[in-house]
Protein backbone atom coordinates (compact mmCIF):
# COMPACT_ATOMS: atom_id res chain seq x y z
CA MET A 1 -40.81 -29.51 45.83
CA GLN A 2 -39.10 -27.49 43.12
CA SER A 3 -37.62 -29.45 40.22
CA ALA A 4 -33.92 -29.20 39.43
CA LEU A 5 -34.74 -27.30 36.23
CA THR A 6 -36.95 -24.78 38.06
CA SER A 7 -34.22 -24.19 40.61
CA ALA A 8 -31.68 -23.73 37.86
CA ILE A 9 -33.31 -20.71 36.28
CA ILE A 10 -33.92 -18.82 39.55
CA SER A 11 -31.47 -15.92 39.83
CA GLU A 12 -28.80 -16.32 42.48
CA GLY A 13 -30.33 -14.30 45.34
CA LYS A 14 -31.21 -11.34 43.12
CA ASP A 15 -33.78 -10.21 40.61
CA THR A 16 -34.76 -12.99 38.15
CA ALA A 17 -33.67 -10.93 35.14
CA ALA A 18 -29.90 -11.07 34.72
CA PRO A 19 -28.18 -7.88 33.55
CA LYS A 20 -27.94 -7.79 29.78
CA ALA A 21 -24.22 -7.13 29.90
CA ARG A 22 -23.60 -10.41 31.72
CA GLN A 23 -22.53 -13.52 29.87
CA THR A 24 -24.24 -16.81 30.71
CA LEU A 25 -22.43 -19.78 32.25
CA LEU A 26 -23.98 -23.26 32.43
CA ILE A 27 -22.79 -25.55 35.24
CA VAL A 28 -23.59 -29.27 34.95
CA ASP A 29 -22.58 -31.75 37.69
CA ASP A 30 -24.53 -34.54 39.37
CA GLU A 31 -22.75 -33.89 42.69
CA GLU A 32 -24.10 -31.17 44.94
CA GLY A 33 -20.69 -30.15 46.33
CA PRO A 34 -19.00 -29.16 43.03
CA ARG A 35 -22.20 -27.47 41.80
CA GLN A 36 -22.41 -25.26 44.86
CA SER A 37 -18.66 -24.53 44.81
CA LEU A 38 -18.87 -23.31 41.23
CA ARG A 39 -22.02 -21.32 42.01
CA ILE A 40 -20.21 -19.47 44.81
CA VAL A 41 -17.13 -18.81 42.64
CA PHE A 42 -19.07 -17.35 39.67
CA LYS A 43 -22.33 -15.97 41.09
CA ASP A 44 -21.08 -12.37 40.95
CA ASP A 45 -19.50 -12.67 37.49
CA TYR A 46 -22.01 -14.39 35.21
CA ASN A 47 -25.66 -15.20 34.78
CA LEU A 48 -25.70 -18.79 36.05
CA LEU A 49 -27.71 -21.76 34.83
CA ILE A 50 -27.24 -24.90 36.95
CA ALA A 51 -28.25 -28.46 36.12
CA SER A 52 -27.73 -31.73 38.01
CA ASN A 53 -28.02 -33.98 34.96
CA GLY A 54 -27.63 -34.01 31.19
CA ARG A 55 -31.34 -33.91 30.41
CA ASP A 56 -31.87 -30.66 32.34
CA ALA A 57 -28.72 -29.17 30.82
CA ILE A 58 -29.98 -29.82 27.29
CA GLU A 59 -33.38 -28.31 28.11
CA LEU A 60 -31.68 -25.18 29.45
CA ALA A 61 -29.59 -24.88 26.26
CA GLN A 62 -32.75 -25.12 24.15
CA LYS A 63 -34.31 -22.18 26.02
CA ASN A 64 -31.33 -19.90 26.74
CA LYS A 65 -28.34 -18.44 24.90
CA ILE A 66 -25.28 -19.83 26.68
CA ASN A 67 -21.76 -18.47 26.25
CA ALA A 68 -19.82 -21.18 28.09
CA ALA A 69 -20.46 -24.38 30.05
CA VAL A 70 -18.60 -26.38 32.70
CA LEU A 71 -19.42 -30.10 32.46
CA ASP A 72 -18.42 -33.02 34.64
CA ILE A 73 -17.28 -35.90 32.40
CA ARG A 74 -18.56 -38.70 34.67
CA MET A 75 -22.26 -38.35 35.54
CA THR A 76 -25.05 -40.84 36.12
CA GLY A 77 -27.41 -41.32 33.22
CA MET A 78 -25.98 -39.21 30.39
CA SER A 79 -22.19 -38.80 30.42
CA GLY A 80 -20.44 -35.45 30.09
CA THR A 81 -19.20 -36.23 26.58
CA GLU A 82 -22.74 -37.08 25.48
CA VAL A 83 -24.00 -33.80 26.94
CA LEU A 84 -21.14 -31.96 25.21
CA GLU A 85 -22.08 -33.39 21.82
CA LYS A 86 -25.77 -32.50 22.25
CA LEU A 87 -24.97 -28.96 23.49
CA LYS A 88 -22.78 -28.37 20.43
CA GLY A 89 -25.66 -29.57 18.25
CA ILE A 90 -27.99 -27.01 19.83
CA GLN A 91 -25.54 -24.09 20.09
CA PRO A 92 -22.38 -24.72 18.01
CA SER A 93 -20.67 -21.58 19.33
CA ILE A 94 -20.89 -22.57 23.01
CA GLU A 95 -17.47 -22.99 24.66
CA VAL A 96 -17.31 -26.09 26.90
CA ILE A 97 -14.86 -26.89 29.70
CA MET A 98 -14.73 -30.48 30.97
CA LEU A 99 -14.06 -31.44 34.61
CA THR A 100 -12.49 -34.84 35.21
CA ALA A 101 -11.37 -36.81 38.27
CA TYR A 102 -10.93 -40.41 37.14
CA GLU A 103 -11.29 -40.41 33.37
CA SER A 104 -8.61 -41.72 31.02
CA VAL A 105 -6.62 -39.66 28.57
CA ASP A 106 -8.68 -41.21 25.76
CA THR A 107 -11.89 -39.85 27.27
CA VAL A 108 -10.38 -36.37 27.52
CA ARG A 109 -9.20 -36.59 23.92
CA GLN A 110 -12.68 -37.62 22.85
CA ALA A 111 -14.12 -34.55 24.58
CA LEU A 112 -11.62 -32.29 22.81
CA ARG A 113 -12.48 -33.89 19.46
CA LEU A 114 -16.16 -33.19 20.11
CA GLY A 115 -15.41 -29.49 20.56
CA ALA A 116 -14.47 -28.94 24.22
CA CYS A 117 -12.14 -25.96 24.49
CA ASP A 118 -10.35 -27.10 27.66
CA TYR A 119 -10.44 -29.47 30.64
CA LEU A 120 -9.50 -29.31 34.33
CA ASN A 121 -8.83 -31.99 36.88
CA LYS A 122 -10.83 -32.31 40.09
CA PRO A 123 -10.32 -30.98 42.66
CA PHE A 124 -9.75 -27.67 40.91
CA ASP A 125 -8.33 -24.49 42.45
CA VAL A 126 -10.25 -21.21 42.19
CA PRO A 127 -7.64 -19.19 40.18
CA SER A 128 -7.38 -21.94 37.55
CA ILE A 129 -11.13 -22.34 37.04
CA ARG A 130 -11.61 -18.56 36.92
CA LYS A 131 -8.89 -18.15 34.28
CA THR A 132 -10.17 -21.08 32.21
CA VAL A 133 -13.76 -19.82 32.20
CA ALA A 134 -12.66 -16.24 31.43
CA THR A 135 -10.66 -17.51 28.44
CA ALA A 136 -13.66 -19.50 27.21
CA MET A 137 -15.86 -16.40 27.48
CA GLU A 138 -13.31 -14.39 25.46
CA ARG A 139 -13.24 -17.06 22.75
CA HIS A 140 -17.04 -16.95 22.54
CA SER A 141 -17.02 -13.14 22.29
CA PHE A 142 -14.49 -13.25 19.45
CA SER A 143 -16.57 -15.88 17.66
CA ASP A 144 -19.70 -13.74 18.03
CA GLU A 145 -17.85 -10.70 16.68
CA ILE A 146 -16.56 -12.56 13.64
CA ARG A 147 -19.99 -14.08 13.01
CA ALA A 148 -21.61 -10.63 13.21
CA ASN A 149 -19.09 -9.25 10.71
CA ASN A 150 -19.74 -12.17 8.37
CA GLU A 151 -23.46 -11.38 8.53
CA LYS A 152 -22.72 -7.75 7.68
CA LEU A 153 -20.58 -8.84 4.75
CA ALA A 154 -23.34 -11.15 3.53
CA ALA A 155 -25.85 -8.29 3.76
CA LEU A 156 -23.46 -6.06 1.84
CA GLN A 157 -23.09 -8.67 -0.87
CA VAL A 158 -26.86 -8.72 -1.26
CA GLU A 159 -26.93 -4.93 -1.32
CA LEU A 160 -24.16 -4.80 -3.91
CA GLN A 161 -25.98 -7.39 -5.98
CA ASP A 162 -29.15 -5.27 -5.84
CA GLN A 163 -27.12 -2.29 -7.10
CA ARG A 164 -26.00 -4.05 -10.27
CA LEU A 165 -27.58 -2.46 -13.29
CA GLN A 166 -28.59 -4.13 -16.53
CA GLU A 167 -26.41 -4.55 -19.61
CA GLU A 168 -26.65 -0.85 -20.46
CA ILE A 169 -24.45 0.08 -17.46
CA THR A 170 -22.11 2.90 -18.36
CA ARG A 171 -18.36 2.61 -18.54
CA THR A 172 -18.03 4.82 -15.47
CA ARG A 173 -20.08 2.46 -13.36
CA GLY A 174 -18.19 -0.47 -14.77
CA GLU A 175 -15.03 1.17 -13.47
CA ILE A 176 -16.67 1.63 -10.08
CA TYR A 177 -17.38 -2.08 -9.78
CA ALA A 178 -13.81 -2.88 -10.79
CA SER A 179 -12.59 -0.36 -8.22
CA ILE A 180 -14.63 -2.01 -5.46
CA ILE A 181 -13.00 -5.35 -6.19
CA HIS A 182 -9.56 -3.72 -6.41
CA ASP A 183 -9.89 -1.81 -3.12
CA ILE A 184 -11.39 -4.68 -1.13
CA ASN A 185 -8.70 -7.03 -2.39
CA GLY A 186 -6.12 -5.37 -0.07
CA PRO A 187 -7.95 -6.06 3.23
CA LEU A 188 -9.00 -9.52 2.00
CA THR A 189 -5.34 -10.36 1.30
CA ILE A 190 -4.48 -9.36 4.86
CA ILE A 191 -7.40 -11.38 6.27
CA SER A 192 -6.25 -14.44 4.32
CA GLY A 193 -2.70 -14.06 5.65
CA PHE A 194 -3.85 -13.77 9.26
CA ILE A 195 -6.11 -16.82 8.91
CA GLN A 196 -3.20 -18.86 7.53
CA ILE A 197 -1.07 -17.83 10.54
CA ILE A 198 -3.84 -18.81 12.97
CA ASN A 199 -4.47 -22.15 11.25
CA GLN A 200 -0.75 -22.94 11.27
CA ARG A 201 -0.42 -22.12 14.98
CA MET A 202 -3.57 -24.10 15.87
CA GLY A 203 -2.37 -27.05 13.80
CA GLU A 204 0.93 -27.13 15.69
CA SER A 205 -0.65 -27.17 19.16
CA LYS A 206 -3.44 -29.24 20.65
CA ARG A 207 -4.19 -26.52 23.20
CA LEU A 208 -3.89 -22.78 22.86
CA GLU A 209 -2.61 -20.97 25.92
CA GLY A 210 -0.14 -18.30 26.94
CA ASP A 211 1.60 -16.62 24.00
CA ASP A 212 -0.27 -18.79 21.46
CA MET A 213 -3.65 -17.66 22.81
CA GLU A 214 -2.54 -14.00 22.85
CA MET A 215 -1.33 -14.32 19.26
CA VAL A 216 -4.67 -15.76 18.13
CA LYS A 217 -6.63 -13.05 19.97
CA ASP A 218 -4.43 -10.35 18.42
CA ARG A 219 -4.88 -11.76 14.89
CA LEU A 220 -8.66 -12.03 15.40
CA ARG A 221 -8.78 -8.37 16.42
CA ARG A 222 -6.83 -7.47 13.27
CA ILE A 223 -9.09 -9.61 11.10
CA THR A 224 -12.14 -7.85 12.57
CA ARG A 225 -10.56 -4.48 11.76
CA GLN A 226 -9.95 -5.50 8.15
CA VAL A 227 -13.53 -6.79 7.83
CA SER A 228 -14.69 -3.37 9.04
CA ASN A 229 -12.47 -1.77 6.38
CA CYS A 230 -14.13 -3.91 3.68
CA ILE A 231 -17.55 -2.86 4.93
CA GLU A 232 -16.55 0.82 5.01
CA ILE A 233 -15.10 0.66 1.48
CA SER A 234 -18.30 -0.94 0.19
CA HIS A 235 -20.48 1.68 1.87
CA ARG A 236 -18.34 4.46 0.39
CA TYR A 237 -18.74 3.12 -3.14
CA LEU A 238 -22.46 2.54 -2.67
CA SER A 239 -22.87 6.14 -1.49
CA PHE A 240 -20.89 7.34 -4.49
CA MET A 241 -23.09 5.35 -6.89
CA ARG A 242 -26.23 6.73 -5.29
CA GLN A 243 -24.77 10.23 -5.44
CA GLN A 244 -25.09 10.50 -1.68
CA PRO A 245 -21.53 11.29 -0.55
CA SER A 246 -20.96 10.85 3.16
CA ALA A 247 -19.67 13.75 5.23
CA PRO A 248 -15.89 13.48 5.79
CA ALA A 249 -14.77 12.83 9.35
CA ARG A 250 -11.69 14.01 11.20
CA ILE A 251 -8.97 11.37 11.20
CA ASN A 252 -5.70 11.06 13.11
CA VAL A 253 -2.85 10.75 10.61
CA ASN A 254 -0.50 8.81 12.91
CA GLN A 255 -3.22 6.21 13.50
CA ILE A 256 -3.66 5.85 9.73
CA LEU A 257 0.10 5.40 9.32
CA GLU A 258 0.09 2.72 12.03
CA ASP A 259 -2.79 0.90 10.30
CA LEU A 260 -0.89 1.17 7.01
CA ARG A 261 2.21 -0.34 8.61
CA GLU A 262 0.15 -3.31 9.80
CA LEU A 263 -1.35 -3.82 6.33
CA LEU A 264 1.92 -3.59 4.41
CA ASN A 265 4.05 -5.70 6.73
CA VAL A 266 1.92 -8.77 5.96
CA HIS A 267 1.18 -7.94 2.32
CA PRO A 268 2.71 -10.37 -0.22
CA SER A 269 4.27 -7.41 -2.09
CA LYS A 270 6.47 -6.65 0.93
CA GLY A 271 8.68 -9.66 0.13
CA ASP A 272 12.38 -8.92 0.72
CA ASN A 273 11.93 -5.17 0.30
CA THR A 274 12.72 -2.74 3.12
CA LEU A 275 9.69 -0.77 4.31
CA LYS A 276 10.13 2.39 6.39
CA ILE A 277 7.10 4.26 7.74
CA GLN A 278 7.84 7.34 9.80
CA SER A 279 5.20 8.74 12.18
CA LEU A 280 4.64 12.49 12.44
CA ASP A 281 6.26 14.25 15.37
CA ARG A 282 3.04 16.24 15.90
CA GLU A 283 -0.60 15.17 16.16
CA VAL A 284 -2.22 16.15 12.87
CA GLU A 285 -5.82 15.65 11.75
CA LEU A 286 -7.31 15.62 8.26
CA GLN A 287 -10.93 16.20 7.34
CA MET A 288 -11.54 13.24 5.07
CA ASN A 289 -12.67 9.64 5.21
CA GLY A 290 -10.11 7.37 6.88
CA THR A 291 -10.56 4.53 4.38
CA ASP A 292 -9.89 7.01 1.53
CA LEU A 293 -6.50 7.98 2.95
CA ILE A 294 -5.65 4.34 3.62
CA GLN A 295 -6.52 3.47 0.00
CA ILE A 296 -4.43 6.35 -1.38
CA LEU A 297 -1.34 5.39 0.62
CA LEU A 298 -1.87 1.64 0.21
CA ASN A 299 -2.13 1.85 -3.59
CA LEU A 300 0.95 4.08 -3.86
CA ALA A 301 2.95 1.89 -1.46
CA ILE A 302 2.05 -1.39 -3.20
CA ASN A 303 3.01 0.14 -6.57
CA ALA A 304 6.33 1.20 -5.05
CA LEU A 305 6.92 -2.27 -3.55
CA GLN A 306 6.16 -3.88 -6.94
CA CYS A 307 8.24 -1.47 -9.06
CA SER A 308 11.17 -3.89 -9.22
CA PRO A 309 11.70 -7.63 -8.69
CA ASP A 310 14.97 -6.80 -6.91
CA PRO A 311 14.98 -5.89 -3.20
CA HIS A 312 14.65 -2.14 -2.75
CA ILE A 313 13.56 0.47 -0.20
CA VAL A 314 10.12 2.07 0.15
CA GLU A 315 9.72 4.99 2.54
CA ILE A 316 6.53 6.69 3.73
CA SER A 317 6.84 9.93 5.66
CA GLY A 318 5.00 13.17 6.40
CA GLN A 319 5.80 16.85 6.90
CA LEU A 320 3.63 19.72 8.12
CA LEU A 321 3.93 22.96 6.14
CA ASP A 322 3.25 26.21 7.96
CA THR A 323 3.24 28.02 4.62
CA GLY A 324 1.63 27.20 1.29
CA ALA A 325 3.40 24.79 -1.04
CA ASP A 326 5.85 26.39 -3.51
CA PHE A 327 5.15 24.94 -6.95
CA SER A 328 6.81 27.82 -8.81
CA ARG A 329 10.05 25.88 -9.34
CA ILE A 330 8.33 22.74 -10.58
CA PHE A 331 7.87 22.46 -14.33
CA GLU A 332 5.79 19.62 -15.73
CA GLY A 333 7.83 17.54 -18.10
CA PRO A 334 9.64 14.20 -18.42
CA THR A 335 10.44 13.99 -14.70
CA ASP A 336 7.61 15.88 -12.96
CA ARG A 337 3.85 16.06 -12.97
CA ILE A 338 1.36 17.95 -10.78
CA LEU A 339 -2.27 16.93 -10.25
CA TYR A 340 -4.62 19.44 -8.62
CA GLY A 341 -7.77 18.24 -6.89
CA GLN A 342 -11.04 20.09 -7.27
CA GLY A 343 -11.06 23.09 -4.96
CA PHE A 344 -7.47 22.63 -3.76
CA ALA A 345 -6.61 25.65 -1.61
CA ASN A 346 -2.88 26.11 -1.18
CA THR A 347 -3.26 27.59 2.28
CA PRO A 348 -1.49 26.47 5.47
CA PRO A 349 -1.35 24.32 7.39
CA LEU A 350 -0.76 21.65 4.75
CA LEU A 351 0.32 18.08 5.36
CA VAL A 352 2.68 16.56 2.79
CA LEU A 353 2.67 12.75 2.75
CA THR A 354 5.43 11.21 0.64
CA VAL A 355 5.71 7.67 -0.73
CA ARG A 356 9.24 7.22 -2.09
CA ASP A 357 11.19 4.29 -3.54
CA ASN A 358 14.72 3.81 -4.88
CA GLY A 359 13.60 1.50 -7.70
CA PRO A 360 14.12 1.92 -11.45
CA GLY A 361 11.97 5.04 -11.74
CA ILE A 362 9.17 5.86 -14.20
CA PRO A 363 10.13 6.20 -17.89
CA PRO A 364 9.36 9.70 -19.29
CA GLU A 365 6.98 8.27 -21.91
CA VAL A 366 5.00 6.43 -19.20
CA LEU A 367 4.67 9.24 -16.63
CA PRO A 368 1.79 11.10 -18.38
CA LYS A 369 -0.26 7.87 -18.61
CA ILE A 370 0.02 6.40 -15.12
CA PHE A 371 -3.30 7.78 -13.85
CA GLN A 372 -5.34 6.56 -16.81
CA PRO A 373 -7.83 3.80 -15.87
CA TYR A 374 -6.63 0.31 -16.85
CA PHE A 375 -3.18 1.54 -17.90
CA THR A 376 -0.48 -0.79 -16.58
CA THR A 377 3.10 -1.71 -17.43
CA LYS A 378 2.80 -5.08 -15.69
CA PRO A 379 2.50 -8.38 -17.59
CA PRO A 380 -1.04 -9.65 -18.37
CA GLY A 381 -2.79 -10.94 -15.27
CA LYS A 382 -0.39 -9.13 -12.93
CA GLY A 383 -2.06 -5.72 -12.66
CA THR A 384 -5.45 -4.07 -13.19
CA GLY A 385 -4.26 -0.56 -13.96
CA LEU A 386 -6.79 0.80 -11.45
CA GLY A 387 -4.64 1.61 -8.41
CA LEU A 388 -3.39 5.05 -9.48
CA ALA A 389 -6.72 5.92 -11.13
CA ILE A 390 -8.39 5.32 -7.75
CA VAL A 391 -5.72 7.48 -6.06
CA HIS A 392 -6.47 10.29 -8.53
CA ARG A 393 -10.22 10.14 -7.87
CA LEU A 394 -9.85 10.03 -4.08
CA LEU A 395 -7.37 12.91 -4.19
CA LYS A 396 -9.89 15.04 -6.07
CA GLU A 397 -12.60 14.27 -3.50
CA ALA A 398 -10.22 15.24 -0.67
CA ARG A 399 -9.40 18.56 -2.40
CA GLY A 400 -5.73 17.69 -2.33
CA CYS A 401 -2.81 17.98 -4.72
CA MET A 402 -0.06 15.59 -5.82
CA HIS A 403 3.42 16.16 -7.20
CA ILE A 404 5.16 13.19 -8.83
CA HIS A 405 8.91 13.30 -9.37
CA SER A 406 10.82 10.47 -11.03
CA LYS A 407 13.99 9.94 -13.02
CA PRO A 408 14.97 6.65 -14.63
CA GLY A 409 17.41 4.85 -12.35
CA GLU A 410 16.69 7.17 -9.41
CA GLY A 411 13.34 5.90 -8.12
CA ALA A 412 10.09 7.81 -7.75
CA ALA A 413 8.44 10.07 -5.16
CA PHE A 414 4.71 10.76 -4.83
CA ASN A 415 4.05 13.86 -2.68
CA ILE A 416 0.45 14.34 -1.53
CA TYR A 417 -0.64 17.77 -0.23
CA LEU A 418 -3.75 17.86 1.99
CA PRO A 419 -5.34 20.60 4.13
CA ALA A 420 -4.64 19.78 7.78
CA THR A 421 -5.49 20.69 11.35
CA VAL A 422 -2.86 20.65 14.09
CA LYS A 423 -3.89 19.38 17.53
CA HIS A 424 -2.56 21.45 20.41
């Protein structure tokens, strides 16, 4: 006679090797009827592991990676809550759903305290159990994604640590390290804000469902995107230090502007200021690294948002030029300055991206100094003086050009000219 454990690991009427793309669901119930009902419901959706008691369930968890489990609370021998606690000890990321028919509210609360993600009453209906298990699988996938990104960040930290040179490091490399911290600080600020929102929402509700669950999933997706941005920024700086520049990719400008909107709307500098970001009315591509363009616009926008403690307006817009830019009427002086990137070719089509504010403007004596590393007009501890220096360096690498126009009392406008490609 086959043992319960042997029967559990036999594939449900198919080849013994489950498809790699399938997630694994563990079903634990000491009653044959519910076990078979759940097997029929989920046999086509997941790789199933079935156990009739807690001991077999624990042995399965020790030998297999399990995404989610459905446990009966009341079982002979080892109770469902005991099995839950042991499963979490073996695989902390496993999502567990409890089934209950007669248990008290206290027992259910105990299960939730031990890490169960949800519970259902017996007898359950098929749509409810399907939805509950699908939600648990999604939670596990998000957890795996965040964990993988954390591992990448840890590996990058080791790599960055290995790149640190001895005391004789040059000033240029010292600026690079400071720039890494400065650039990564933006995404990390956003990540911190999203985590605070999630923690607040989770603290206000004992169970996440409906709009709350969708909000958490959306914020987790955004956190993952910002983690990827941190990783990309780090790789870019490491390549620069090794003098192995990566080949620029084609990027969609409207997508960058949408990402920028998401970053700035939750940035502390936004405050009571009015932020307006206008998408392009045509699909335009640039041949440069996406994180570089984000960093250029983000640094300029944050400077504009911080230019005054009083509420003011910051606008970001773009315009496609079918002819070369006309700089003949612009004279460098107290109100204007032009910065040319290496190899800037003033040939159409050109995309002009403008970051404009109606703040106090830049004093004439300050305008020539704003792109110097570590130059800042902010109080001590409030600014690094690296933001515009980074913009200048990235602009050179992109072979672009910038025109700055500012008058005291009339705000400032930073116009960035970049070679573009129009999608037809």
